[in-house]
């Protein structure tokens, strides 16, 4: 495995994740996406599994790339959850607004 092909694969995974994340509008949907990308059946877990049979040189490339991708996905997930929760709270505040002009 070449370093650039591994980088391309990780970049493709991150690109797909970002595209799918932008279309989600609820925390449960985001958590489901998290499982799809970071869970045991996800593409990053699969790449980490391939380390068993990889050469030492490839392990030095694959491991850090996959870990960086996991970190980026985790940050994006956290930001999306905060954004949605903030929108939900703001919506509730608007809905429960009390008119003080009585």
PDB file of N, CA and C in Angstrom:
ATOM      1  N   UNK A   1       0.842  -1.187   0.000  1.00  0.00           N
ATOM      2  CA  UNK A   1       0.000   0.000   0.000  1.00  0.00           C
ATOM      3  C   UNK A   1       0.876   1.234   0.000  1.00  0.00           C
ATOM      4  N   UNK A   2       0.562   2.139  -0.869  1.00  0.00           N
ATOM      5  CA  UNK A   2       1.313   3.376  -0.901  1.00  0.00           C
ATOM      6  C   UNK A   2       0.682   4.408   0.011  1.00  0.00           C
ATOM      7  N   UNK A   3       1.521   5.315   0.509  1.00  0.00           N
ATOM      8  CA  UNK A   3       1.024   6.337   1.410  1.00  0.00           C
ATOM      9  C   UNK A   3      -0.031   7.224   0.784  1.00  0.00           C
ATOM     10  N   UNK A   4       0.161   7.551  -0.510  1.00  0.00           N
ATOM     11  CA  UNK A   4      -0.805   8.454  -1.144  1.00  0.00           C
ATOM     12  C   UNK A   4      -2.148   7.767  -1.375  1.00  0.00           C
ATOM     13  N   UNK A   5      -2.133   6.462  -1.681  1.00  0.00           N
ATOM     14  CA  UNK A   5      -3.409   5.770  -1.876  1.00  0.00           C
ATOM     15  C   UNK A   5      -4.158   5.632  -0.553  1.00  0.00           C
ATOM     16  N   UNK A   6      -3.441   5.454   0.528  1.00  0.00           N
ATOM     17  CA  UNK A   6      -4.059   5.388   1.852  1.00  0.00           C
ATOM     18  C   UNK A   6      -4.628   6.759   2.210  1.00  0.00           C
ATOM     19  N   UNK A   7      -3.856   7.802   1.937  1.00  0.00           N
ATOM     20  CA  UNK A   7      -4.322   9.166   2.209  1.00  0.00           C
ATOM     21  C   UNK A   7      -5.583   9.453   1.398  1.00  0.00           C
ATOM     22  N   UNK A   8      -5.605   9.022   0.130  1.00  0.00           N
ATOM     23  CA  UNK A   8      -6.777   9.234  -0.717  1.00  0.00           C
ATOM     24  C   UNK A   8      -7.996   8.509  -0.164  1.00  0.00           C
ATOM     25  N   UNK A   9      -7.785   7.294   0.319  1.00  0.00           N
ATOM     26  CA  UNK A   9      -8.892   6.520   0.884  1.00  0.00           C
ATOM     27  C   UNK A   9      -9.441   7.214   2.133  1.00  0.00           C
ATOM     28  N   UNK A  10      -8.562   7.688   2.999  1.00  0.00           N
ATOM     29  CA  UNK A  10      -8.979   8.388   4.208  1.00  0.00           C
ATOM     30  C   UNK A  10      -9.692   9.685   3.824  1.00  0.00           C
ATOM     31  N   UNK A  11      -9.163  10.406   2.848  1.00  0.00           N
ATOM     32  CA  UNK A  11      -9.803  11.645   2.385  1.00  0.00           C
ATOM     33  C   UNK A  11     -11.202  11.366   1.840  1.00  0.00           C
ATOM     34  N   UNK A  12     -11.351  10.270   1.099  1.00  0.00           N
ATOM     35  CA  UNK A  12     -12.667   9.903   0.561  1.00  0.00           C
ATOM     36  C   UNK A  12     -13.652   9.592   1.690  1.00  0.00           C
ATOM     37  N   UNK A  13     -13.179   8.903   2.709  1.00  0.00           N
ATOM     38  CA  UNK A  13     -14.026   8.573   3.860  1.00  0.00           C
ATOM     39  C   UNK A  13     -14.478   9.855   4.552  1.00  0.00           C
ATOM     40  N   UNK A  14     -13.545  10.782   4.769  1.00  0.00           N
ATOM     41  CA  UNK A  14     -13.883  12.049   5.422  1.00  0.00           C
ATOM     42  C   UNK A  14     -14.850  12.864   4.567  1.00  0.00           C
ATOM     43  N   UNK A  15     -14.637  12.864   3.262  1.00  0.00           N
ATOM     44  CA  UNK A  15     -15.516  13.604   2.359  1.00  0.00           C
ATOM     45  C   UNK A  15     -16.934  13.036   2.420  1.00  0.00           C
ATOM     46  N   UNK A  16     -17.051  11.718   2.352  1.00  0.00           N
ATOM     47  CA  UNK A  16     -18.368  11.083   2.427  1.00  0.00           C
ATOM     48  C   UNK A  16     -19.036  11.390   3.768  1.00  0.00           C
ATOM     49  N   UNK A  17     -18.261  11.332   4.838  1.00  0.00           N
ATOM     50  CA  UNK A  17     -18.810  11.621   6.167  1.00  0.00           C
ATOM     51  C   UNK A  17     -19.370  13.038   6.213  1.00  0.00           C
ATOM     52  N   UNK A  18     -18.592  14.008   5.758  1.00  0.00           N
ATOM     53  CA  UNK A  18     -19.024  15.406   5.793  1.00  0.00           C
ATOM     54  C   UNK A  18     -20.282  15.612   4.960  1.00  0.00           C
ATOM     55  N   UNK A  19     -20.339  14.990   3.788  1.00  0.00           N
ATOM     56  CA  UNK A  19     -21.513  15.120   2.929  1.00  0.00           C
ATOM     57  C   UNK A  19     -22.761  14.563   3.610  1.00  0.00           C
ATOM     58  N   UNK A  20     -22.616  13.425   4.229  1.00  0.00           N
ATOM     59  CA  UNK A  20     -23.768  12.811   4.894  1.00  0.00           C
ATOM     60  C   UNK A  20     -24.162  13.573   6.154  1.00  0.00           C
ATOM     61  N   UNK A  21     -23.188  14.129   6.855  1.00  0.00           N
ATOM     62  CA  UNK A  21     -23.458  14.863   8.090  1.00  0.00           C
ATOM     63  C   UNK A  21     -24.287  16.117   7.827  1.00  0.00           C
ATOM     64  N   UNK A  22     -24.029  16.788   6.718  1.00  0.00           N
ATOM     65  CA  UNK A  22     -24.729  18.041   6.435  1.00  0.00           C
ATOM     66  C   UNK A  22     -26.226  17.846   6.217  1.00  0.00           C
ATOM     67  N   UNK A  23     -26.640  16.640   5.866  1.00  0.00           N
ATOM     68  CA  UNK A  23     -28.060  16.411   5.591  1.00  0.00           C
ATOM     69  C   UNK A  23     -28.844  15.966   6.831  1.00  0.00           C
ATOM     70  N   UNK A  24     -28.171  15.817   7.964  1.00  0.00           N
ATOM     71  CA  UNK A  24     -28.838  15.311   9.163  1.00  0.00           C
ATOM     72  C   UNK A  24     -29.381  16.455  10.018  1.00  0.00           C
ATOM     73  N   UNK A  25     -30.546  16.195  10.634  1.00  0.00           N
ATOM     74  CA  UNK A  25     -31.208  17.256  11.392  1.00  0.00           C
ATOM     75  C   UNK A  25     -31.570  16.859  12.817  1.00  0.00           C
ATOM     76  N   UNK A  26     -31.101  15.706  13.276  1.00  0.00           N
ATOM     77  CA  UNK A  26     -31.411  15.308  14.650  1.00  0.00           C
ATOM     78  C   UNK A  26     -30.216  14.587  15.270  1.00  0.00           C
ATOM     79  N   UNK A  27     -30.165  14.636  16.590  1.00  0.00           N
ATOM     80  CA  UNK A  27     -29.070  13.984  17.315  1.00  0.00           C
ATOM     81  C   UNK A  27     -29.071  12.469  17.083  1.00  0.00           C
ATOM     82  N   UNK A  28     -30.227  11.784  17.115  1.00  0.00           N
ATOM     83  CA  UNK A  28     -30.189  10.345  16.846  1.00  0.00           C
ATOM     84  C   UNK A  28     -29.629   9.999  15.456  1.00  0.00           C
ATOM     85  N   UNK A  29     -29.931  10.825  14.470  1.00  0.00           N
ATOM     86  CA  UNK A  29     -29.377  10.587  13.128  1.00  0.00           C
ATOM     87  C   UNK A  29     -27.858  10.738  13.137  1.00  0.00           C
ATOM     88  N   UNK A  30     -27.379  11.723  13.869  1.00  0.00           N
ATOM     89  CA  UNK A  30     -25.937  11.945  13.954  1.00  0.00           C
ATOM     90  C   UNK A  30     -25.252  10.782  14.664  1.00  0.00           C
ATOM     91  N   UNK A  31     -25.873  10.315  15.736  1.00  0.00           N
ATOM     92  CA  UNK A  31     -25.289   9.178  16.464  1.00  0.00           C
ATOM     93  C   UNK A  31     -25.281   7.917  15.612  1.00  0.00           C
ATOM     94  N   UNK A  32     -26.288   7.752  14.782  1.00  0.00           N
ATOM     95  CA  UNK A  32     -26.324   6.625  13.854  1.00  0.00           C
ATOM     96  C   UNK A  32     -25.171   6.729  12.855  1.00  0.00           C
ATOM     97  N   UNK A  33     -24.953   7.931  12.337  1.00  0.00           N
ATOM     98  CA  UNK A  33     -23.848   8.144  11.400  1.00  0.00           C
ATOM     99  C   UNK A  33     -22.509   7.871  12.075  1.00  0.00           C
ATOM    100  N   UNK A  34     -22.401   8.265  13.325  1.00  0.00           N
ATOM    101  CA  UNK A  34     -21.173   7.999  14.091  1.00  0.00           C
ATOM    102  C   UNK A  34     -20.885   6.503  14.112  1.00  0.00           C
ATOM    103  N   UNK A  35     -21.913   5.711  14.380  1.00  0.00           N
ATOM    104  CA  UNK A  35     -21.739   4.262  14.412  1.00  0.00           C
ATOM    105  C   UNK A  35     -21.329   3.707  13.065  1.00  0.00           C
ATOM    106  N   UNK A  36     -21.870   4.278  11.998  1.00  0.00           N
ATOM    107  CA  UNK A  36     -21.549   3.805  10.660  1.00  0.00           C
ATOM    108  C   UNK A  36     -20.094   4.069  10.291  1.00  0.00           C
ATOM    109  N   UNK A  37     -19.531   5.161  10.788  1.00  0.00           N
ATOM    110  CA  UNK A  37     -18.162   5.510  10.419  1.00  0.00           C
ATOM    111  C   UNK A  37     -17.122   5.123  11.460  1.00  0.00           C
ATOM    112  N   UNK A  38     -17.490   5.137  12.734  1.00  0.00           N
ATOM    113  CA  UNK A  38     -16.513   4.836  13.779  1.00  0.00           C
ATOM    114  C   UNK A  38     -16.743   3.485  14.446  1.00  0.00           C
ATOM    115  N   UNK A  39     -17.839   2.832  14.108  1.00  0.00           N
ATOM    116  CA  UNK A  39     -18.155   1.543  14.708  1.00  0.00           C
ATOM    117  C   UNK A  39     -17.338   0.408  14.129  1.00  0.00           C
ATOM    118  N   UNK A  40     -17.602  -0.785  14.631  1.00  0.00           N
ATOM    119  CA  UNK A  40     -16.831  -1.965  14.232  1.00  0.00           C
ATOM    120  C   UNK A  40     -17.048  -2.385  12.781  1.00  0.00           C
ATOM    121  N   UNK A  41     -18.105  -1.894  12.163  1.00  0.00           N
ATOM    122  CA  UNK A  41     -18.329  -2.213  10.750  1.00  0.00           C
ATOM    123  C   UNK A  41     -17.960  -1.038   9.851  1.00  0.00           C
ATOM    124  N   UNK A  42     -17.400   0.019  10.434  1.00  0.00           N
ATOM    125  CA  UNK A  42     -17.066   1.218   9.681  1.00  0.00           C
ATOM    126  C   UNK A  42     -15.771   1.087   8.895  1.00  0.00           C
ATOM    127  N   UNK A  43     -15.588   1.976   7.933  1.00  0.00           N
ATOM    128  CA  UNK A  43     -14.404   1.915   7.069  1.00  0.00           C
ATOM    129  C   UNK A  43     -13.094   2.167   7.805  1.00  0.00           C
ATOM    130  N   UNK A  44     -13.113   2.996   8.844  1.00  0.00           N
ATOM    131  CA  UNK A  44     -11.875   3.261   9.573  1.00  0.00           C
ATOM    132  C   UNK A  44     -11.466   2.059  10.417  1.00  0.00           C
ATOM    133  N   UNK A  45     -12.446   1.392  11.008  1.00  0.00           N
ATOM    134  CA  UNK A  45     -12.149   0.180  11.779  1.00  0.00           C
ATOM    135  C   UNK A  45     -11.566  -0.888  10.849  1.00  0.00           C
ATOM    136  N   UNK A  46     -12.125  -0.945   9.648  1.00  0.00           N
ATOM    137  CA  UNK A  46     -11.634  -1.903   8.657  1.00  0.00           C
ATOM    138  C   UNK A  46     -10.175  -1.608   8.292  1.00  0.00           C
ATOM    139  N   UNK A  47      -9.875  -0.324   8.129  1.00  0.00           N
ATOM    140  CA  UNK A  47      -8.487   0.042   7.811  1.00  0.00           C
ATOM    141  C   UNK A  47      -7.545  -0.311   8.959  1.00  0.00           C
ATOM    142  N   UNK A  48      -8.006  -0.089  10.189  1.00  0.00           N
ATOM    143  CA  UNK A  48      -7.166  -0.442  11.334  1.00  0.00           C
ATOM    144  C   UNK A  48      -6.959  -1.953  11.403  1.00  0.00           C
ATOM    145  N   UNK A  49      -7.986  -2.713  11.014  1.00  0.00           N
ATOM    146  CA  UNK A  49      -7.859  -4.164  10.985  1.00  0.00           C
ATOM    147  C   UNK A  49      -6.821  -4.640   9.985  1.00  0.00           C
ATOM    148  N   UNK A  50      -6.648  -3.858   8.927  1.00  0.00           N
ATOM    149  CA  UNK A  50      -5.675  -4.246   7.903  1.00  0.00           C
ATOM    150  C   UNK A  50      -4.241  -4.060   8.389  1.00  0.00           C
ATOM    151  N   UNK A  51      -4.066  -3.421   9.525  1.00  0.00           N
ATOM    152  CA  UNK A  51      -2.718  -3.227  10.059  1.00  0.00           C
ATOM    153  C   UNK A  51      -2.052  -4.545  10.437  1.00  0.00           C
ATOM    154  N   UNK A  52      -2.860  -5.541  10.781  1.00  0.00           N
ATOM    155  CA  UNK A  52      -2.300  -6.830  11.194  1.00  0.00           C
ATOM    156  C   UNK A  52      -1.378  -7.408  10.127  1.00  0.00           C
ATOM    157  N   UNK A  53      -1.798  -7.275   8.874  1.00  0.00           N
ATOM    158  CA  UNK A  53      -1.024  -7.876   7.787  1.00  0.00           C
ATOM    159  C   UNK A  53      -0.148  -6.856   7.062  1.00  0.00           C
ATOM    160  N   UNK A  54      -0.138  -5.614   7.508  1.00  0.00           N
ATOM    161  CA  UNK A  54       0.629  -4.569   6.831  1.00  0.00           C
ATOM    162  C   UNK A  54       2.094  -4.601   7.255  1.00  0.00           C
ATOM    163  N   UNK A  55       2.914  -4.068   6.386  1.00  0.00           N
ATOM    164  CA  UNK A  55       4.339  -3.957   6.724  1.00  0.00           C
ATOM    165  C   UNK A  55       4.520  -2.871   7.774  1.00  0.00           C
ATOM    166  N   UNK A  56       5.676  -2.856   8.380  1.00  0.00           N
ATOM    167  CA  UNK A  56       5.959  -1.866   9.416  1.00  0.00           C
ATOM    168  C   UNK A  56       5.860  -0.453   8.838  1.00  0.00           C
ATOM    169  N   UNK A  57       6.356  -0.278   7.605  1.00  0.00           N
ATOM    170  CA  UNK A  57       6.295   1.032   6.961  1.00  0.00           C
ATOM    171  C   UNK A  57       4.843   1.478   6.772  1.00  0.00           C
ATOM    172  N   UNK A  58       3.995   0.542   6.315  1.00  0.00           N
ATOM    173  CA  UNK A  58       2.581   0.868   6.108  1.00  0.00           C
ATOM    174  C   UNK A  58       1.878   1.144   7.426  1.00  0.00           C
ATOM    175  N   UNK A  59       2.244   0.404   8.467  1.00  0.00           N
ATOM    176  CA  UNK A  59       1.642   0.630   9.786  1.00  0.00           C
ATOM    177  C   UNK A  59       1.933   2.051  10.270  1.00  0.00           C
ATOM    178  N   UNK A  60       3.152   2.528   9.991  1.00  0.00           N
ATOM    179  CA  UNK A  60       3.536   3.875  10.414  1.00  0.00           C
ATOM    180  C   UNK A  60       2.753   4.943   9.654  1.00  0.00           C
ATOM    181  N   UNK A  61       2.246   4.589   8.481  1.00  0.00           N
ATOM    182  CA  UNK A  61       1.457   5.529   7.677  1.00  0.00           C
ATOM    183  C   UNK A  61      -0.027   5.411   8.009  1.00  0.00           C
ATOM    184  N   UNK A  62      -0.525   4.180   8.008  1.00  0.00           N
ATOM    185  CA  UNK A  62      -1.961   3.947   8.176  1.00  0.00           C
ATOM    186  C   UNK A  62      -2.444   4.366   9.560  1.00  0.00           C
ATOM    187  N   UNK A  63      -1.753   3.945  10.595  1.00  0.00           N
ATOM    188  CA  UNK A  63      -2.178   4.219  11.967  1.00  0.00           C
ATOM    189  C   UNK A  63      -2.438   5.690  12.234  1.00  0.00           C
ATOM    190  N   UNK A  64      -1.441   6.547  12.007  1.00  0.00           N
ATOM    191  CA  UNK A  64      -1.667   7.978  12.262  1.00  0.00           C
ATOM    192  C   UNK A  64      -2.756   8.589  11.380  1.00  0.00           C
ATOM    193  N   UNK A  65      -2.831   8.177  10.113  1.00  0.00           N
ATOM    194  CA  UNK A  65      -3.868   8.722   9.230  1.00  0.00           C
ATOM    195  C   UNK A  65      -5.266   8.368   9.721  1.00  0.00           C
ATOM    196  N   UNK A  66      -5.440   7.119  10.117  1.00  0.00           N
ATOM    197  CA  UNK A  66      -6.749   6.681  10.602  1.00  0.00           C
ATOM    198  C   UNK A  66      -7.088   7.380  11.916  1.00  0.00           C
ATOM    199  N   UNK A  67      -6.116   7.517  12.793  1.00  0.00           N
ATOM    200  CA  UNK A  67      -6.362   8.195  14.072  1.00  0.00           C
ATOM    201  C   UNK A  67      -6.724   9.667  13.862  1.00  0.00           C
ATOM    202  N   UNK A  68      -6.047  10.330  12.923  1.00  0.00           N
ATOM    203  CA  UNK A  68      -6.382  11.726  12.612  1.00  0.00           C
ATOM    204  C   UNK A  68      -7.796  11.823  12.056  1.00  0.00           C
ATOM    205  N   UNK A  69      -8.168  10.879  11.192  1.00  0.00           N
ATOM    206  CA  UNK A  69      -9.520  10.885  10.620  1.00  0.00           C
ATOM    207  C   UNK A  69     -10.559  10.681  11.714  1.00  0.00           C
ATOM    208  N   UNK A  70     -10.291   9.772  12.645  1.00  0.00           N
ATOM    209  CA  UNK A  70     -11.214   9.545  13.759  1.00  0.00           C
ATOM    210  C   UNK A  70     -11.388  10.815  14.585  1.00  0.00           C
ATOM    211  N   UNK A  71     -10.277  11.500  14.834  1.00  0.00           N
ATOM    212  CA  UNK A  71     -10.337  12.739  15.610  1.00  0.00           C
ATOM    213  C   UNK A  71     -11.156  13.800  14.877  1.00  0.00           C
ATOM    214  N   UNK A  72     -10.946  13.940  13.565  1.00  0.00           N
ATOM    215  CA  UNK A  72     -11.703  14.919  12.782  1.00  0.00           C
ATOM    216  C   UNK A  72     -13.190  14.597  12.801  1.00  0.00           C
ATOM    217  N   UNK A  73     -13.517  13.321  12.636  1.00  0.00           N
ATOM    218  CA  UNK A  73     -14.919  12.908  12.644  1.00  0.00           C
ATOM    219  C   UNK A  73     -15.541  13.184  14.008  1.00  0.00           C
ATOM    220  N   UNK A  74     -14.820  12.897  15.077  1.00  0.00           N
ATOM    221  CA  UNK A  74     -15.330  13.130  16.427  1.00  0.00           C
ATOM    222  C   UNK A  74     -15.596  14.614  16.659  1.00  0.00           C
ATOM    223  N   UNK A  75     -14.690  15.470  16.227  1.00  0.00           N
ATOM    224  CA  UNK A  75     -14.877  16.914  16.379  1.00  0.00           C
ATOM    225  C   UNK A  75     -16.093  17.377  15.571  1.00  0.00           C
ATOM    226  N   UNK A  76     -16.215  16.911  14.333  1.00  0.00           N
ATOM    227  CA  UNK A  76     -17.356  17.292  13.496  1.00  0.00           C
ATOM    228  C   UNK A  76     -18.673  16.806  14.099  1.00  0.00           C
ATOM    229  N   UNK A  77     -18.668  15.604  14.653  1.00  0.00           N
ATOM    230  CA  UNK A  77     -19.869  15.074  15.305  1.00  0.00           C
ATOM    231  C   UNK A  77     -20.261  15.939  16.495  1.00  0.00           C
ATOM    232  N   UNK A  78     -19.288  16.254  17.327  1.00  0.00           N
ATOM    233  CA  UNK A  78     -19.558  17.073  18.513  1.00  0.00           C
ATOM    234  C   UNK A  78     -20.107  18.441  18.113  1.00  0.00           C
ATOM    235  N   UNK A  79     -19.514  19.050  17.099  1.00  0.00           N
ATOM    236  CA  UNK A  79     -19.979  20.364  16.635  1.00  0.00           C
ATOM    237  C   UNK A  79     -21.403  20.275  16.104  1.00  0.00           C
ATOM    238  N   UNK A  80     -21.707  19.218  15.354  1.00  0.00           N
ATOM    239  CA  UNK A  80     -23.049  19.059  14.791  1.00  0.00           C
ATOM    240  C   UNK A  80     -24.081  18.851  15.889  1.00  0.00           C
ATOM    241  N   UNK A  81     -23.734  18.076  16.898  1.00  0.00           N
ATOM    242  CA  UNK A  81     -24.665  17.837  18.011  1.00  0.00           C
ATOM    243  C   UNK A  81     -24.930  19.137  18.759  1.00  0.00           C
ATOM    244  N   UNK A  82     -23.897  19.899  19.038  1.00  0.00           N
ATOM    245  CA  UNK A  82     -24.073  21.177  19.731  1.00  0.00           C
ATOM    246  C   UNK A  82     -24.932  22.115  18.887  1.00  0.00           C
ATOM    247  N   UNK A  83     -24.684  22.155  17.580  1.00  0.00           N
ATOM    248  CA  UNK A  83     -25.460  23.023  16.691  1.00  0.00           C
ATOM    249  C   UNK A  83     -26.939  22.652  16.731  1.00  0.00           C
ATOM    250  N   UNK A  84     -27.235  21.364  16.626  1.00  0.00           N
ATOM    251  CA  UNK A  84     -28.629  20.919  16.617  1.00  0.00           C
ATOM    252  C   UNK A  84     -29.286  21.160  17.972  1.00  0.00           C
ATOM    253  N   UNK A  85     -28.589  20.858  19.049  1.00  0.00           N
ATOM    254  CA  UNK A  85     -29.153  21.083  20.379  1.00  0.00           C
ATOM    255  C   UNK A  85     -29.418  22.568  20.612  1.00  0.00           C
ATOM    256  N   UNK A  86     -28.540  23.430  20.131  1.00  0.00           N
ATOM    257  CA  UNK A  86     -28.745  24.868  20.255  1.00  0.00           C
ATOM    258  C   UNK A  86     -29.969  25.309  19.466  1.00  0.00           C
ATOM    259  N   UNK A  87     -30.113  24.795  18.256  1.00  0.00           N
ATOM    260  CA  UNK A  87     -31.294  25.121  17.450  1.00  0.00           C
ATOM    261  C   UNK A  87     -32.572  24.661  18.136  1.00  0.00           C
ATOM    262  N   UNK A  88     -32.537  23.469  18.720  1.00  0.00           N
ATOM    263  CA  UNK A  88     -33.723  22.944  19.410  1.00  0.00           C
ATOM    264  C   UNK A  88     -34.087  23.802  20.614  1.00  0.00           C
ATOM    265  N   UNK A  89     -33.085  24.210  21.388  1.00  0.00           N
ATOM    266  CA  UNK A  89     -33.340  25.064  22.555  1.00  0.00           C
ATOM    267  C   UNK A  89     -33.892  26.410  22.099  1.00  0.00           C
ATOM    268  N   UNK A  90     -33.298  26.994  21.073  1.00  0.00           N
ATOM    269  CA  UNK A  90     -33.784  28.282  20.573  1.00  0.00           C
ATOM    270  C   UNK A  90     -35.217  28.170  20.062  1.00  0.00           C
ATOM    271  N   UNK A  91     -35.519  27.069  19.408  1.00  0.00           N
ATOM    272  CA  UNK A  91     -36.879  26.865  18.898  1.00  0.00           C
ATOM    273  C   UNK A  91     -37.874  26.767  20.065  1.00  0.00           C
ATOM    274  N   UNK A  92     -37.497  26.075  21.114  1.00  0.00           N
ATOM    275  CA  UNK A  92     -38.371  25.954  22.290  1.00  0.00           C
ATOM    276  C   UNK A  92     -38.569  27.312  22.954  1.00  0.00           C
ATOM    277  N   UNK A  93     -37.504  28.102  23.003  1.00  0.00           N
ATOM    278  CA  UNK A  93     -37.624  29.437  23.581  1.00  0.00           C
ATOM    279  C   UNK A  93     -38.581  30.302  22.765  1.00  0.00           C
ATOM    280  N   UNK A  94     -38.500  30.207  21.472  1.00  0.00           N
ATOM    281  CA  UNK A  94     -39.394  30.970  20.598  1.00  0.00           C
ATOM    282  C   UNK A  94     -40.834  30.507  20.787  1.00  0.00           C
ATOM    283  N   UNK A  95     -41.022  29.193  20.849  1.00  0.00           N
ATOM    284  CA  UNK A  95     -42.373  28.643  20.998  1.00  0.00           C
ATOM    285  C   UNK A  95     -42.984  29.000  22.351  1.00  0.00           C
ATOM    286  N   UNK A  96     -42.161  29.086  23.381  1.00  0.00           N
ATOM    287  CA  UNK A  96     -42.653  29.343  24.733  1.00  0.00           C
ATOM    288  C   UNK A  96     -42.490  30.793  25.159  1.00  0.00           C
ATOM    289  N   UNK A  97     -42.306  31.651  24.200  1.00  0.00           N
ATOM    290  CA  UNK A  97     -42.109  33.073  24.494  1.00  0.00           C
ATOM    291  C   UNK A  97     -43.370  33.631  25.174  1.00  0.00           C
ATOM    292  N   UNK A  98     -43.145  34.339  26.236  1.00  0.00           N
ATOM    293  CA  UNK A  98     -44.248  34.933  26.994  1.00  0.00           C
ATOM    294  C   UNK A  98     -44.363  36.401  26.613  1.00  0.00           C
ATOM    295  N   UNK A  99     -45.569  36.783  26.256  1.00  0.00           N
ATOM    296  CA  UNK A  99     -45.811  38.177  25.896  1.00  0.00           C
ATOM    297  C   UNK A  99     -46.019  38.993  27.182  1.00  0.00           C
ATOM    298  N   UNK A 100     -45.081  39.884  27.450  1.00  0.00           N
ATOM    299  CA  UNK A 100     -45.152  40.699  28.673  1.00  0.00           C
ATOM    300  C   UNK A 100     -45.896  42.000  28.459  1.00  0.00           C
ATOM    301  N   UNK A 101     -46.456  42.195  27.287  1.00  0.00           N
ATOM    302  CA  UNK A 101     -47.177  43.434  26.971  1.00  0.00           C
ATOM    303  C   UNK A 101     -48.658  43.318  27.296  1.00  0.00           C
ATOM    304  N   UNK A 102     -48.998  42.865  28.464  1.00  0.00           N
ATOM    305  CA  UNK A 102     -50.399  42.687  28.837  1.00  0.00           C
ATOM    306  C   UNK A 102     -51.007  43.937  29.342  1.00  0.00           C
TER     307      UNK A 102
END
